[in-house]
Amino acid sequence: MRTCLVVDDSSVIRKVARRILEGLDFQIMEAEDGEKALEVCKRGMPDAVLLDWNMPVMDGYEFLGNLRRMPGGDQPKVVFCTTENDVAHIARALHAGANEYIMKPFDRDIVTAKFQEVGLI
């Protein structure tokens, strides 16, 4: 079964994402900030990461840079999930190694489409 790490400081967003992704046959791991997400990745690299931008302790951008430098960190497909909709934020995320991005709020159709685009389903 494919795995997805959902990284968001909002428990509500993690719960919504879990329901959507479990419906797409993903096994879900969760982290509420980038630091905890890195610990999860050290234990076992996920197939995908749904990543929030703005979080305490370590934000999504910093997490992504650390992930991509880890052994095997180039493998997970990373989908940034953010309320930031300006082109500069999106370009920064993609330049840092994100594969795709989605805007909050999101729904099952949006997540499904983006995960299809990056070859996860």
PDB file of N, CA and C in Angstrom:
ATOM      1  N   MET A   1       0.841  -1.182   0.000  1.00  0.00           N
ATOM      2  CA  MET A   1       0.000   0.000   0.000  1.00  0.00           C
ATOM      3  C   MET A   1       0.887   1.246   0.000  1.00  0.00           C
ATOM      4  N   ARG A   2       0.504   2.235  -0.771  1.00  0.00           N
ATOM      5  CA  ARG A   2       1.246   3.491  -0.825  1.00  0.00           C
ATOM      6  C   ARG A   2       1.026   4.286   0.459  1.00  0.00           C
ATOM      7  N   THR A   3       2.047   5.067   0.821  1.00  0.00           N
ATOM      8  CA  THR A   3       1.974   5.849   2.049  1.00  0.00           C
ATOM      9  C   THR A   3       2.010   7.343   1.726  1.00  0.00           C
ATOM     10  N   CYS A   4       1.297   8.113   2.544  1.00  0.00           N
ATOM     11  CA  CYS A   4       1.314   9.567   2.408  1.00  0.00           C
ATOM     12  C   CYS A   4       1.470  10.181   3.791  1.00  0.00           C
ATOM     13  N   LEU A   5       2.425  11.081   3.900  1.00  0.00           N
ATOM     14  CA  LEU A   5       2.632  11.840   5.121  1.00  0.00           C
ATOM     15  C   LEU A   5       1.889  13.169   4.975  1.00  0.00           C
ATOM     16  N   VAL A   6       0.946  13.425   5.875  1.00  0.00           N
ATOM     17  CA  VAL A   6       0.182  14.666   5.877  1.00  0.00           C
ATOM     18  C   VAL A   6       0.795  15.554   6.958  1.00  0.00           C
ATOM     19  N   VAL A   7       1.335  16.705   6.528  1.00  0.00           N
ATOM     20  CA  VAL A   7       2.022  17.615   7.443  1.00  0.00           C
ATOM     21  C   VAL A   7       1.260  18.929   7.490  1.00  0.00           C
ATOM     22  N   ASP A   8       0.608  19.191   8.620  1.00  0.00           N
ATOM     23  CA  ASP A   8      -0.167  20.414   8.783  1.00  0.00           C
ATOM     24  C   ASP A   8      -0.366  20.652  10.272  1.00  0.00           C
ATOM     25  N   ASP A   9      -0.275  21.908  10.704  1.00  0.00           N
ATOM     26  CA  ASP A   9      -0.469  22.196  12.123  1.00  0.00           C
ATOM     27  C   ASP A   9      -1.939  22.181  12.519  1.00  0.00           C
ATOM     28  N   SER A  10      -2.841  22.116  11.562  1.00  0.00           N
ATOM     29  CA  SER A  10      -4.275  22.040  11.844  1.00  0.00           C
ATOM     30  C   SER A  10      -4.735  20.587  11.895  1.00  0.00           C
ATOM     31  N   SER A  11      -5.255  20.177  13.041  1.00  0.00           N
ATOM     32  CA  SER A  11      -5.761  18.799  13.164  1.00  0.00           C
ATOM     33  C   SER A  11      -6.966  18.588  12.251  1.00  0.00           C
ATOM     34  N   VAL A  12      -7.741  19.635  12.013  1.00  0.00           N
ATOM     35  CA  VAL A  12      -8.905  19.525  11.123  1.00  0.00           C
ATOM     36  C   VAL A  12      -8.450  19.236   9.687  1.00  0.00           C
ATOM     37  N   ILE A  13      -7.446  19.966   9.216  1.00  0.00           N
ATOM     38  CA  ILE A  13      -6.926  19.732   7.861  1.00  0.00           C
ATOM     39  C   ILE A  13      -6.348  18.320   7.759  1.00  0.00           C
ATOM     40  N   ARG A  14      -5.615  17.886   8.774  1.00  0.00           N
ATOM     41  CA  ARG A  14      -5.048  16.525   8.746  1.00  0.00           C
ATOM     42  C   ARG A  14      -6.162  15.487   8.683  1.00  0.00           C
ATOM     43  N   LYS A  15      -7.235  15.706   9.424  1.00  0.00           N
ATOM     44  CA  LYS A  15      -8.358  14.765   9.441  1.00  0.00           C
ATOM     45  C   LYS A  15      -9.049  14.714   8.077  1.00  0.00           C
ATOM     46  N   VAL A  16      -9.300  15.869   7.473  1.00  0.00           N
ATOM     47  CA  VAL A  16      -9.932  15.925   6.151  1.00  0.00           C
ATOM     48  C   VAL A  16      -9.036  15.241   5.115  1.00  0.00           C
ATOM     49  N   ALA A  17      -7.739  15.570   5.141  1.00  0.00           N
ATOM     50  CA  ALA A  17      -6.801  14.959   4.193  1.00  0.00           C
ATOM     51  C   ALA A  17      -6.733  13.448   4.386  1.00  0.00           C
ATOM     52  N   ARG A  18      -6.723  13.005   5.647  1.00  0.00           N
ATOM     53  CA  ARG A  18      -6.686  11.562   5.929  1.00  0.00           C
ATOM     54  C   ARG A  18      -7.880  10.858   5.287  1.00  0.00           C
ATOM     55  N   ARG A  19      -9.071  11.410   5.475  1.00  0.00           N
ATOM     56  CA  ARG A  19     -10.271  10.779   4.904  1.00  0.00           C
ATOM     57  C   ARG A  19     -10.190  10.691   3.386  1.00  0.00           C
ATOM     58  N   ILE A  20      -9.762  11.779   2.762  1.00  0.00           N
ATOM     59  CA  ILE A  20      -9.657  11.795   1.298  1.00  0.00           C
ATOM     60  C   ILE A  20      -8.626  10.783   0.823  1.00  0.00           C
ATOM     61  N   LEU A  21      -7.453  10.807   1.425  1.00  0.00           N
ATOM     62  CA  LEU A  21      -6.353   9.959   0.963  1.00  0.00           C
ATOM     63  C   LEU A  21      -6.565   8.490   1.298  1.00  0.00           C
ATOM     64  N   GLU A  22      -7.186   8.194   2.422  1.00  0.00           N
ATOM     65  CA  GLU A  22      -7.516   6.789   2.717  1.00  0.00           C
ATOM     66  C   GLU A  22      -8.505   6.269   1.686  1.00  0.00           C
ATOM     67  N   GLY A  23      -9.396   7.133   1.211  1.00  0.00           N
ATOM     68  CA  GLY A  23     -10.330   6.759   0.155  1.00  0.00           C
ATOM     69  C   GLY A  23      -9.638   6.493  -1.174  1.00  0.00           C
ATOM     70  N   LEU A  24      -8.414   6.994  -1.318  1.00  0.00           N
ATOM     71  CA  LEU A  24      -7.612   6.749  -2.515  1.00  0.00           C
ATOM     72  C   LEU A  24      -6.590   5.632  -2.283  1.00  0.00           C
ATOM     73  N   ASP A  25      -6.798   4.867  -1.217  1.00  0.00           N
ATOM     74  CA  ASP A  25      -5.968   3.702  -0.869  1.00  0.00           C
ATOM     75  C   ASP A  25      -4.553   4.046  -0.414  1.00  0.00           C
ATOM     76  N   PHE A  26      -4.411   5.150   0.303  1.00  0.00           N
ATOM     77  CA  PHE A  26      -3.127   5.488   0.914  1.00  0.00           C
ATOM     78  C   PHE A  26      -3.164   5.144   2.386  1.00  0.00           C
ATOM     79  N   GLN A  27      -2.035   4.684   2.903  1.00  0.00           N
ATOM     80  CA  GLN A  27      -1.849   4.558   4.344  1.00  0.00           C
ATOM     81  C   GLN A  27      -1.305   5.907   4.801  1.00  0.00           C
ATOM     82  N   ILE A  28      -1.886   6.483   5.849  1.00  0.00           N
ATOM     83  CA  ILE A  28      -1.580   7.851   6.253  1.00  0.00           C
ATOM     84  C   ILE A  28      -0.728   7.900   7.510  1.00  0.00           C
ATOM     85  N   MET A  29       0.277   8.770   7.455  1.00  0.00           N
ATOM     86  CA  MET A  29       1.057   9.160   8.625  1.00  0.00           C
ATOM     87  C   MET A  29       0.816  10.660   8.785  1.00  0.00           C
ATOM     88  N   GLU A  30       0.926  11.163  10.001  1.00  0.00           N
ATOM     89  CA  GLU A  30       0.658  12.583  10.236  1.00  0.00           C
ATOM     90  C   GLU A  30       1.783  13.219  11.047  1.00  0.00           C
ATOM     91  N   ALA A  31       1.960  14.526  10.810  1.00  0.00           N
ATOM     92  CA  ALA A  31       2.871  15.330  11.617  1.00  0.00           C
ATOM     93  C   ALA A  31       2.311  16.746  11.662  1.00  0.00           C
ATOM     94  N   GLU A  32       2.492  17.416  12.824  1.00  0.00           N
ATOM     95  CA  GLU A  32       1.925  18.759  12.961  1.00  0.00           C
ATOM     96  C   GLU A  32       2.923  19.877  12.660  1.00  0.00           C
ATOM     97  N   ASP A  33       4.174  19.513  12.361  1.00  0.00           N
ATOM     98  CA  ASP A  33       5.146  20.515  11.929  1.00  0.00           C
ATOM     99  C   ASP A  33       6.274  19.817  11.167  1.00  0.00           C
ATOM    100  N   GLY A  34       7.124  20.627  10.560  1.00  0.00           N
ATOM    101  CA  GLY A  34       8.184  20.081   9.723  1.00  0.00           C
ATOM    102  C   GLY A  34       9.201  19.248  10.478  1.00  0.00           C
ATOM    103  N   GLU A  35       9.483  19.633  11.703  1.00  0.00           N
ATOM    104  CA  GLU A  35      10.450  18.880  12.501  1.00  0.00           C
ATOM    105  C   GLU A  35       9.956  17.461  12.770  1.00  0.00           C
ATOM    106  N   LYS A  36       8.696  17.341  13.175  1.00  0.00           N
ATOM    107  CA  LYS A  36       8.128  16.007  13.415  1.00  0.00           C
ATOM    108  C   LYS A  36       8.025  15.221  12.113  1.00  0.00           C
ATOM    109  N   ALA A  37       7.750  15.922  11.012  1.00  0.00           N
ATOM    110  CA  ALA A  37       7.667  15.257   9.709  1.00  0.00           C
ATOM    111  C   ALA A  37       9.017  14.656   9.312  1.00  0.00           C
ATOM    112  N   LEU A  38      10.101  15.373   9.588  1.00  0.00           N
ATOM    113  CA  LEU A  38      11.431  14.832   9.276  1.00  0.00           C
ATOM    114  C   LEU A  38      11.705  13.564  10.071  1.00  0.00           C
ATOM    115  N   GLU A  39      11.260  13.540  11.325  1.00  0.00           N
ATOM    116  CA  GLU A  39      11.434  12.335  12.149  1.00  0.00           C
ATOM    117  C   GLU A  39      10.691  11.146  11.529  1.00  0.00           C
ATOM    118  N   VAL A  40       9.479  11.396  11.048  1.00  0.00           N
ATOM    119  CA  VAL A  40       8.715  10.337  10.381  1.00  0.00           C
ATOM    120  C   VAL A  40       9.481   9.837   9.160  1.00  0.00           C
ATOM    121  N   CYS A  41      10.036  10.748   8.378  1.00  0.00           N
ATOM    122  CA  CYS A  41      10.758  10.374   7.157  1.00  0.00           C
ATOM    123  C   CYS A  41      12.036   9.596   7.466  1.00  0.00           C
ATOM    124  N   LYS A  42      12.670   9.896   8.588  1.00  0.00           N
ATOM    125  CA  LYS A  42      13.880   9.163   8.993  1.00  0.00           C
ATOM    126  C   LYS A  42      13.544   7.712   9.309  1.00  0.00           C
ATOM    127  N   ARG A  43      12.340   7.477   9.824  1.00  0.00           N
ATOM    128  CA  ARG A  43      11.914   6.110  10.156  1.00  0.00           C
ATOM    129  C   ARG A  43      11.492   5.332   8.913  1.00  0.00           C
ATOM    130  N   GLY A  44      11.021   6.037   7.892  1.00  0.00           N
ATOM    131  CA  GLY A  44      10.582   5.381   6.658  1.00  0.00           C
ATOM    132  C   GLY A  44      10.047   6.406   5.685  1.00  0.00           C
ATOM    133  N   MET A  45      10.645   6.477   4.516  1.00  0.00           N
ATOM    134  CA  MET A  45      10.284   7.495   3.528  1.00  0.00           C
ATOM    135  C   MET A  45       8.906   7.193   2.939  1.00  0.00           C
ATOM    136  N   PRO A  46       8.002   8.165   2.961  1.00  0.00           N
ATOM    137  CA  PRO A  46       6.671   7.947   2.372  1.00  0.00           C
ATOM    138  C   PRO A  46       6.731   8.047   0.843  1.00  0.00           C
ATOM    139  N   ASP A  47       5.676   7.591   0.198  1.00  0.00           N
ATOM    140  CA  ASP A  47       5.566   7.740  -1.250  1.00  0.00           C
ATOM    141  C   ASP A  47       5.165   9.161  -1.621  1.00  0.00           C
ATOM    142  N   ALA A  48       4.399   9.807  -0.733  1.00  0.00           N
ATOM    143  CA  ALA A  48       3.890  11.149  -0.999  1.00  0.00           C
ATOM    144  C   ALA A  48       3.872  11.958   0.288  1.00  0.00           C
ATOM    145  N   VAL A  49       3.937  13.290   0.116  1.00  0.00           N
ATOM    146  CA  VAL A  49       3.824  14.206   1.247  1.00  0.00           C
ATOM    147  C   VAL A  49       2.848  15.306   0.838  1.00  0.00           C
ATOM    148  N   LEU A  50       1.802  15.474   1.632  1.00  0.00           N
ATOM    149  CA  LEU A  50       0.895  16.615   1.485  1.00  0.00           C
ATOM    150  C   LEU A  50       1.342  17.610   2.540  1.00  0.00           C
ATOM    151  N   LEU A  51       1.887  18.740   2.106  1.00  0.00           N
ATOM    152  CA  LEU A  51       2.678  19.601   2.974  1.00  0.00           C
ATOM    153  C   LEU A  51       2.115  21.009   3.089  1.00  0.00           C
ATOM    154  N   ASP A  52       1.821  21.427   4.316  1.00  0.00           N
ATOM    155  CA  ASP A  52       1.400  22.797   4.594  1.00  0.00           C
ATOM    156  C   ASP A  52       2.618  23.716   4.527  1.00  0.00           C
ATOM    157  N   TRP A  53       2.385  24.968   4.168  1.00  0.00           N
ATOM    158  CA  TRP A  53       3.466  25.951   4.085  1.00  0.00           C
ATOM    159  C   TRP A  53       3.745  26.580   5.452  1.00  0.00           C
ATOM    160  N   ASN A  54       2.717  27.126   6.080  1.00  0.00           N
ATOM    161  CA  ASN A  54       2.878  27.887   7.322  1.00  0.00           C
ATOM    162  C   ASN A  54       2.617  27.009   8.544  1.00  0.00           C
ATOM    163  N   MET A  55       3.708  26.699   9.273  1.00  0.00           N
ATOM    164  CA  MET A  55       3.602  25.882  10.484  1.00  0.00           C
ATOM    165  C   MET A  55       4.610  26.387  11.501  1.00  0.00           C
ATOM    166  N   PRO A  56       4.347  26.130  12.788  1.00  0.00           N
ATOM    167  CA  PRO A  56       5.333  26.493  13.814  1.00  0.00           C
ATOM    168  C   PRO A  56       6.523  25.520  13.774  1.00  0.00           C
ATOM    169  N   VAL A  57       7.553  25.830  14.501  1.00  0.00           N
ATOM    170  CA  VAL A  57       8.772  25.029  14.676  1.00  0.00           C
ATOM    171  C   VAL A  57       9.591  24.980  13.380  1.00  0.00           C
ATOM    172  N   MET A  58       9.049  24.363  12.329  1.00  0.00           N
ATOM    173  CA  MET A  58       9.708  24.302  11.031  1.00  0.00           C
ATOM    174  C   MET A  58       8.631  24.364   9.962  1.00  0.00           C
ATOM    175  N   ASP A  59       8.704  25.373   9.095  1.00  0.00           N
ATOM    176  CA  ASP A  59       7.670  25.504   8.068  1.00  0.00           C
ATOM    177  C   ASP A  59       7.878  24.509   6.925  1.00  0.00           C
ATOM    178  N   GLY A  60       6.915  24.482   6.028  1.00  0.00           N
ATOM    179  CA  GLY A  60       6.951  23.528   4.925  1.00  0.00           C
ATOM    180  C   GLY A  60       8.119  23.722   3.993  1.00  0.00           C
ATOM    181  N   TYR A  61       8.493  24.974   3.755  1.00  0.00           N
ATOM    182  CA  TYR A  61       9.614  25.268   2.868  1.00  0.00           C
ATOM    183  C   TYR A  61      10.922  24.709   3.441  1.00  0.00           C
ATOM    184  N   GLU A  62      11.155  24.944   4.728  1.00  0.00           N
ATOM    185  CA  GLU A  62      12.367  24.431   5.382  1.00  0.00           C
ATOM    186  C   GLU A  62      12.354  22.899   5.427  1.00  0.00           C
ATOM    187  N   PHE A  63      11.188  22.327   5.742  1.00  0.00           N
ATOM    188  CA  PHE A  63      11.068  20.864   5.738  1.00  0.00           C
ATOM    189  C   PHE A  63      11.431  20.297   4.365  1.00  0.00           C
ATOM    190  N   LEU A  64      10.902  20.909   3.306  1.00  0.00           N
ATOM    191  CA  LEU A  64      11.134  20.396   1.959  1.00  0.00           C
ATOM    192  C   LEU A  64      12.620  20.401   1.610  1.00  0.00           C
ATOM    193  N   GLY A  65      13.318  21.477   1.955  1.00  0.00           N
ATOM    194  CA  GLY A  65      14.762  21.532   1.710  1.00  0.00           C
ATOM    195  C   GLY A  65      15.498  20.424   2.437  1.00  0.00           C
ATOM    196  N   ASN A  66      15.134  20.196   3.705  1.00  0.00           N
ATOM    197  CA  ASN A  66      15.752  19.122   4.495  1.00  0.00           C
ATOM    198  C   ASN A  66      15.415  17.751   3.928  1.00  0.00           C
ATOM    199  N   LEU A  67      14.158  17.561   3.535  1.00  0.00           N
ATOM    200  CA  LEU A  67      13.733  16.281   2.963  1.00  0.00           C
ATOM    201  C   LEU A  67      14.544  15.954   1.718  1.00  0.00           C
ATOM    202  N   ARG A  68      14.639  16.905   0.805  1.00  0.00           N
ATOM    203  CA  ARG A  68      15.317  16.660  -0.475  1.00  0.00           C
ATOM    204  C   ARG A  68      16.806  16.379  -0.304  1.00  0.00           C
ATOM    205  N   ARG A  69      17.400  16.795   0.822  1.00  0.00           N
ATOM    206  CA  ARG A  69      18.823  16.514   1.093  1.00  0.00           C
ATOM    207  C   ARG A  69      19.035  15.172   1.795  1.00  0.00           C
ATOM    208  N   MET A  70      17.975  14.543   2.283  1.00  0.00           N
ATOM    209  CA  MET A  70      18.088  13.258   2.978  1.00  0.00           C
ATOM    210  C   MET A  70      18.326  12.129   1.979  1.00  0.00           C
ATOM    211  N   PRO A  71      18.991  11.052   2.396  1.00  0.00           N
ATOM    212  CA  PRO A  71      19.092   9.878   1.510  1.00  0.00           C
ATOM    213  C   PRO A  71      17.686   9.377   1.168  1.00  0.00           C
ATOM    214  N   GLY A  72      17.386   9.267  -0.104  1.00  0.00           N
ATOM    215  CA  GLY A  72      16.061   8.842  -0.547  1.00  0.00           C
ATOM    216  C   GLY A  72      15.032   9.953  -0.548  1.00  0.00           C
ATOM    217  N   GLY A  73      15.417  11.147  -0.121  1.00  0.00           N
ATOM    218  CA  GLY A  73      14.487  12.267  -0.017  1.00  0.00           C
ATOM    219  C   GLY A  73      14.057  12.849  -1.349  1.00  0.00           C
ATOM    220  N   ASP A  74      14.691  12.381  -2.416  1.00  0.00           N
ATOM    221  CA  ASP A  74      14.285  12.834  -3.748  1.00  0.00           C
ATOM    222  C   ASP A  74      13.118  12.008  -4.283  1.00  0.00           C
ATOM    223  N   GLN A  75      12.757  10.945  -3.598  1.00  0.00           N
ATOM    224  CA  GLN A  75      11.737  10.017  -4.087  1.00  0.00           C
ATOM    225  C   GLN A  75      10.288  10.444  -3.827  1.00  0.00           C
ATOM    226  N   PRO A  76       9.935  10.917  -2.617  1.00  0.00           N
ATOM    227  CA  PRO A  76       8.519  11.235  -2.384  1.00  0.00           C
ATOM    228  C   PRO A  76       8.017  12.344  -3.306  1.00  0.00           C
ATOM    229  N   LYS A  77       6.788  12.188  -3.752  1.00  0.00           N
ATOM    230  CA  LYS A  77       6.120  13.259  -4.487  1.00  0.00           C
ATOM    231  C   LYS A  77       5.562  14.212  -3.439  1.00  0.00           C
ATOM    232  N   VAL A  78       5.908  15.484  -3.547  1.00  0.00           N
ATOM    233  CA  VAL A  78       5.488  16.471  -2.555  1.00  0.00           C
ATOM    234  C   VAL A  78       4.470  17.420  -3.182  1.00  0.00           C
ATOM    235  N   VAL A  79       3.307  17.495  -2.536  1.00  0.00           N
ATOM    236  CA  VAL A  79       2.256  18.410  -2.963  1.00  0.00           C
ATOM    237  C   VAL A  79       2.092  19.454  -1.856  1.00  0.00           C
ATOM    238  N   PHE A  80       2.501  20.689  -2.160  1.00  0.00           N
ATOM    239  CA  PHE A  80       2.344  21.786  -1.206  1.00  0.00           C
ATOM    240  C   PHE A  80       0.864  22.132  -1.107  1.00  0.00           C
ATOM    241  N   CYS A  81       0.425  22.400   0.094  1.00  0.00           N
ATOM    242  CA  CYS A  81      -0.965  22.743   0.361  1.00  0.00           C
ATOM    243  C   CYS A  81      -0.942  24.067   1.119  1.00  0.00           C
ATOM    244  N   THR A  82      -1.459  25.127   0.496  1.00  0.00           N
ATOM    245  CA  THR A  82      -1.262  26.440   1.083  1.00  0.00           C
ATOM    246  C   THR A  82      -2.427  27.386   0.824  1.00  0.00           C
ATOM    247  N   THR A  83      -2.495  28.415   1.637  1.00  0.00           N
ATOM    248  CA  THR A  83      -3.440  29.506   1.399  1.00  0.00           C
ATOM    249  C   THR A  83      -2.775  30.614   0.583  1.00  0.00           C
ATOM    250  N   GLU A  84      -1.458  30.524   0.424  1.00  0.00           N
ATOM    251  CA  GLU A  84      -0.698  31.519  -0.349  1.00  0.00           C
ATOM    252  C   GLU A  84      -0.937  31.277  -1.837  1.00  0.00           C
ATOM    253  N   ASN A  85      -1.488  32.270  -2.524  1.00  0.00           N
ATOM    254  CA  ASN A  85      -1.818  32.026  -3.925  1.00  0.00           C
ATOM    255  C   ASN A  85      -1.054  32.918  -4.900  1.00  0.00           C
ATOM    256  N   ASP A  86      -0.036  33.638  -4.398  1.00  0.00           N
ATOM    257  CA  ASP A  86       0.693  34.468  -5.341  1.00  0.00           C
ATOM    258  C   ASP A  86       1.766  33.642  -6.054  1.00  0.00           C
ATOM    259  N   VAL A  87       2.101  34.078  -7.243  1.00  0.00           N
ATOM    260  CA  VAL A  87       3.015  33.338  -8.113  1.00  0.00           C
ATOM    261  C   VAL A  87       4.385  33.153  -7.462  1.00  0.00           C
ATOM    262  N   ALA A  88       4.847  34.133  -6.711  1.00  0.00           N
ATOM    263  CA  ALA A  88       6.162  34.029  -6.070  1.00  0.00           C
ATOM    264  C   ALA A  88       6.220  32.870  -5.082  1.00  0.00           C
ATOM    265  N   HIS A  89       5.168  32.682  -4.276  1.00  0.00           N
ATOM    266  CA  HIS A  89       5.142  31.554  -3.329  1.00  0.00           C
ATOM    267  C   HIS A  89       5.130  30.221  -4.073  1.00  0.00           C
ATOM    268  N   ILE A  90       4.317  30.142  -5.103  1.00  0.00           N
ATOM    269  CA  ILE A  90       4.212  28.904  -5.870  1.00  0.00           C
ATOM    270  C   ILE A  90       5.550  28.584  -6.539  1.00  0.00           C
ATOM    271  N   ALA A  91       6.175  29.576  -7.144  1.00  0.00           N
ATOM    272  CA  ALA A  91       7.472  29.379  -7.799  1.00  0.00           C
ATOM    273  C   ALA A  91       8.529  28.948  -6.786  1.00  0.00           C
ATOM    274  N   ARG A  92       8.514  29.567  -5.609  1.00  0.00           N
ATOM    275  CA  ARG A  92       9.480  29.217  -4.553  1.00  0.00           C
ATOM    276  C   ARG A  92       9.311  27.750  -4.137  1.00  0.00           C
ATOM    277  N   ALA A  93       8.067  27.318  -3.974  1.00  0.00           N
ATOM    278  CA  ALA A  93       7.794  25.925  -3.583  1.00  0.00           C
ATOM    279  C   ALA A  93       8.271  24.952  -4.668  1.00  0.00           C
ATOM    280  N   LEU A  94       7.963  25.241  -5.902  1.00  0.00           N
ATOM    281  CA  LEU A  94       8.362  24.345  -6.995  1.00  0.00           C
ATOM    282  C   LEU A  94       9.881  24.330  -7.157  1.00  0.00           C
ATOM    283  N   HIS A  95      10.512  25.474  -7.010  1.00  0.00           N
ATOM    284  CA  HIS A  95      11.970  25.562  -7.100  1.00  0.00           C
ATOM    285  C   HIS A  95      12.643  24.773  -5.973  1.00  0.00           C
ATOM    286  N   ALA A  96      12.005  24.740  -4.806  1.00  0.00           N
ATOM    287  CA  ALA A  96      12.557  24.013  -3.654  1.00  0.00           C
ATOM    288  C   ALA A  96      12.391  22.502  -3.779  1.00  0.00           C
ATOM    289  N   GLY A  97      11.598  22.060  -4.761  1.00  0.00           N
ATOM    290  CA  GLY A  97      11.462  20.617  -4.962  1.00  0.00           C
ATOM    291  C   GLY A  97      10.058  20.073  -4.834  1.00  0.00           C
ATOM    292  N   ALA A  98       9.066  20.953  -4.678  1.00  0.00           N
ATOM    293  CA  ALA A  98       7.683  20.466  -4.666  1.00  0.00           C
ATOM    294  C   ALA A  98       7.314  19.998  -6.072  1.00  0.00           C
ATOM    295  N   ASN A  99       6.497  18.957  -6.145  1.00  0.00           N
ATOM    296  CA  ASN A  99       6.057  18.444  -7.437  1.00  0.00           C
ATOM    297  C   ASN A  99       4.789  19.135  -7.929  1.00  0.00           C
ATOM    298  N   GLU A 100       3.986  19.604  -6.981  1.00  0.00           N
ATOM    299  CA  GLU A 100       2.699  20.213  -7.327  1.00  0.00           C
ATOM    300  C   GLU A 100       2.233  21.005  -6.122  1.00  0.00           C
ATOM    301  N   TYR A 101       1.163  21.753  -6.272  1.00  0.00           N
ATOM    302  CA  TYR A 101       0.607  22.498  -5.150  1.00  0.00           C
ATOM    303  C   TYR A 101      -0.914  22.531  -5.286  1.00  0.00           C
ATOM    304  N   ILE A 102      -1.573  22.670  -4.139  1.00  0.00           N
ATOM    305  CA  ILE A 102      -3.023  22.868  -4.116  1.00  0.00           C
ATOM    306  C   ILE A 102      -3.327  23.989  -3.134  1.00  0.00           C
ATOM    307  N   MET A 103      -4.447  24.636  -3.374  1.00  0.00           N
ATOM    308  CA  MET A 103      -4.873  25.739  -2.528  1.00  0.00           C
ATOM    309  C   MET A 103      -5.872  25.234  -1.480  1.00  0.00           C
ATOM    310  N   LYS A 104      -5.791  25.800  -0.285  1.00  0.00           N
ATOM    311  CA  LYS A 104      -6.808  25.539   0.734  1.00  0.00           C
ATOM    312  C   LYS A 104      -7.944  26.525   0.505  1.00  0.00           C
ATOM    313  N   PRO A 105      -9.171  26.147   0.732  1.00  0.00           N
ATOM    314  CA  PRO A 105      -9.607  24.791   1.099  1.00  0.00           C
ATOM    315  C   PRO A 105      -9.592  23.879  -0.126  1.00  0.00           C
ATOM    316  N   PHE A 106      -9.390  22.597   0.122  1.00  0.00           N
ATOM    317  CA  PHE A 106      -9.363  21.625  -0.961  1.00  0.00           C
ATOM    318  C   PHE A 106     -10.430  20.577  -0.721  1.00  0.00           C
ATOM    319  N   ASP A 107     -10.717  19.812  -1.763  1.00  0.00           N
ATOM    320  CA  ASP A 107     -11.685  18.724  -1.644  1.00  0.00           C
ATOM    321  C   ASP A 107     -11.129  17.480  -2.336  1.00  0.00           C
ATOM    322  N   ARG A 108     -11.902  16.417  -2.312  1.00  0.00           N
ATOM    323  CA  ARG A 108     -11.453  15.135  -2.872  1.00  0.00           C
ATOM    324  C   ARG A 108     -11.089  15.257  -4.354  1.00  0.00           C
ATOM    325  N   ASP A 109     -11.892  15.994  -5.130  1.00  0.00           N
ATOM    326  CA  ASP A 109     -11.629  16.120  -6.563  1.00  0.00           C
ATOM    327  C   ASP A 109     -10.289  16.799  -6.826  1.00  0.00           C
ATOM    328  N   ILE A 110      -9.984  17.853  -6.076  1.00  0.00           N
ATOM    329  CA  ILE A 110      -8.725  18.575  -6.255  1.00  0.00           C
ATOM    330  C   ILE A 110      -7.538  17.686  -5.885  1.00  0.00           C
ATOM    331  N   VAL A 111      -7.613  17.021  -4.735  1.00  0.00           N
ATOM    332  CA  VAL A 111      -6.524  16.147  -4.295  1.00  0.00           C
ATOM    333  C   VAL A 111      -6.333  15.013  -5.304  1.00  0.00           C
ATOM    334  N   THR A 112      -7.408  14.410  -5.745  1.00  0.00           N
ATOM    335  CA  THR A 112      -7.324  13.322  -6.721  1.00  0.00           C
ATOM    336  C   THR A 112      -6.645  13.805  -7.998  1.00  0.00           C
ATOM    337  N   ALA A 113      -7.049  14.956  -8.501  1.00  0.00           N
ATOM    338  CA  ALA A 113      -6.469  15.486  -9.741  1.00  0.00           C
ATOM    339  C   ALA A 113      -4.971  15.744  -9.591  1.00  0.00           C
ATOM    340  N   LYS A 114      -4.575  16.368  -8.504  1.00  0.00           N
ATOM    341  CA  LYS A 114      -3.154  16.685  -8.304  1.00  0.00           C
ATOM    342  C   LYS A 114      -2.321  15.422  -8.106  1.00  0.00           C
ATOM    343  N   PHE A 115      -2.852  14.445  -7.387  1.00  0.00           N
ATOM    344  CA  PHE A 115      -2.120  13.202  -7.177  1.00  0.00           C
ATOM    345  C   PHE A 115      -2.027  12.404  -8.486  1.00  0.00           C
ATOM    346  N   GLN A 116      -3.009  12.522  -9.346  1.00  0.00           N
ATOM    347  CA  GLN A 116      -2.937  11.910 -10.681  1.00  0.00           C
ATOM    348  C   GLN A 116      -1.853  12.596 -11.511  1.00  0.00           C
ATOM    349  N   GLU A 117      -1.795  13.922 -11.438  1.00  0.00           N
ATOM    350  CA  GLU A 117      -0.813  14.686 -12.220  1.00  0.00           C
ATOM    351  C   GLU A 117       0.617  14.292 -11.891  1.00  0.00           C
ATOM    352  N   VAL A 118       0.892  13.963 -10.641  1.00  0.00           N
ATOM    353  CA  VAL A 118       2.252  13.597 -10.262  1.00  0.00           C
ATOM    354  C   VAL A 118       2.491  12.080 -10.290  1.00  0.00           C
ATOM    355  N   GLY A 119       1.499  11.331 -10.797  1.00  0.00           N
ATOM    356  CA  GLY A 119       1.672   9.895 -11.004  1.00  0.00           C
ATOM    357  C   GLY A 119       1.492   9.019  -9.784  1.00  0.00           C
ATOM    358  N   LEU A 120       0.790   9.515  -8.776  1.00  0.00           N
ATOM    359  CA  LEU A 120       0.589   8.722  -7.568  1.00  0.00           C
ATOM    360  C   LEU A 120      -0.645   7.827  -7.647  1.00  0.00           C
ATOM    361  N   ILE A 121      -1.602   8.179  -8.518  1.00  0.00           N
ATOM    362  CA  ILE A 121      -2.796   7.346  -8.707  1.00  0.00           C
ATOM    363  C   ILE A 121      -3.134   7.301 -10.180  1.00  0.00           C
TER     364      ILE A 121
END
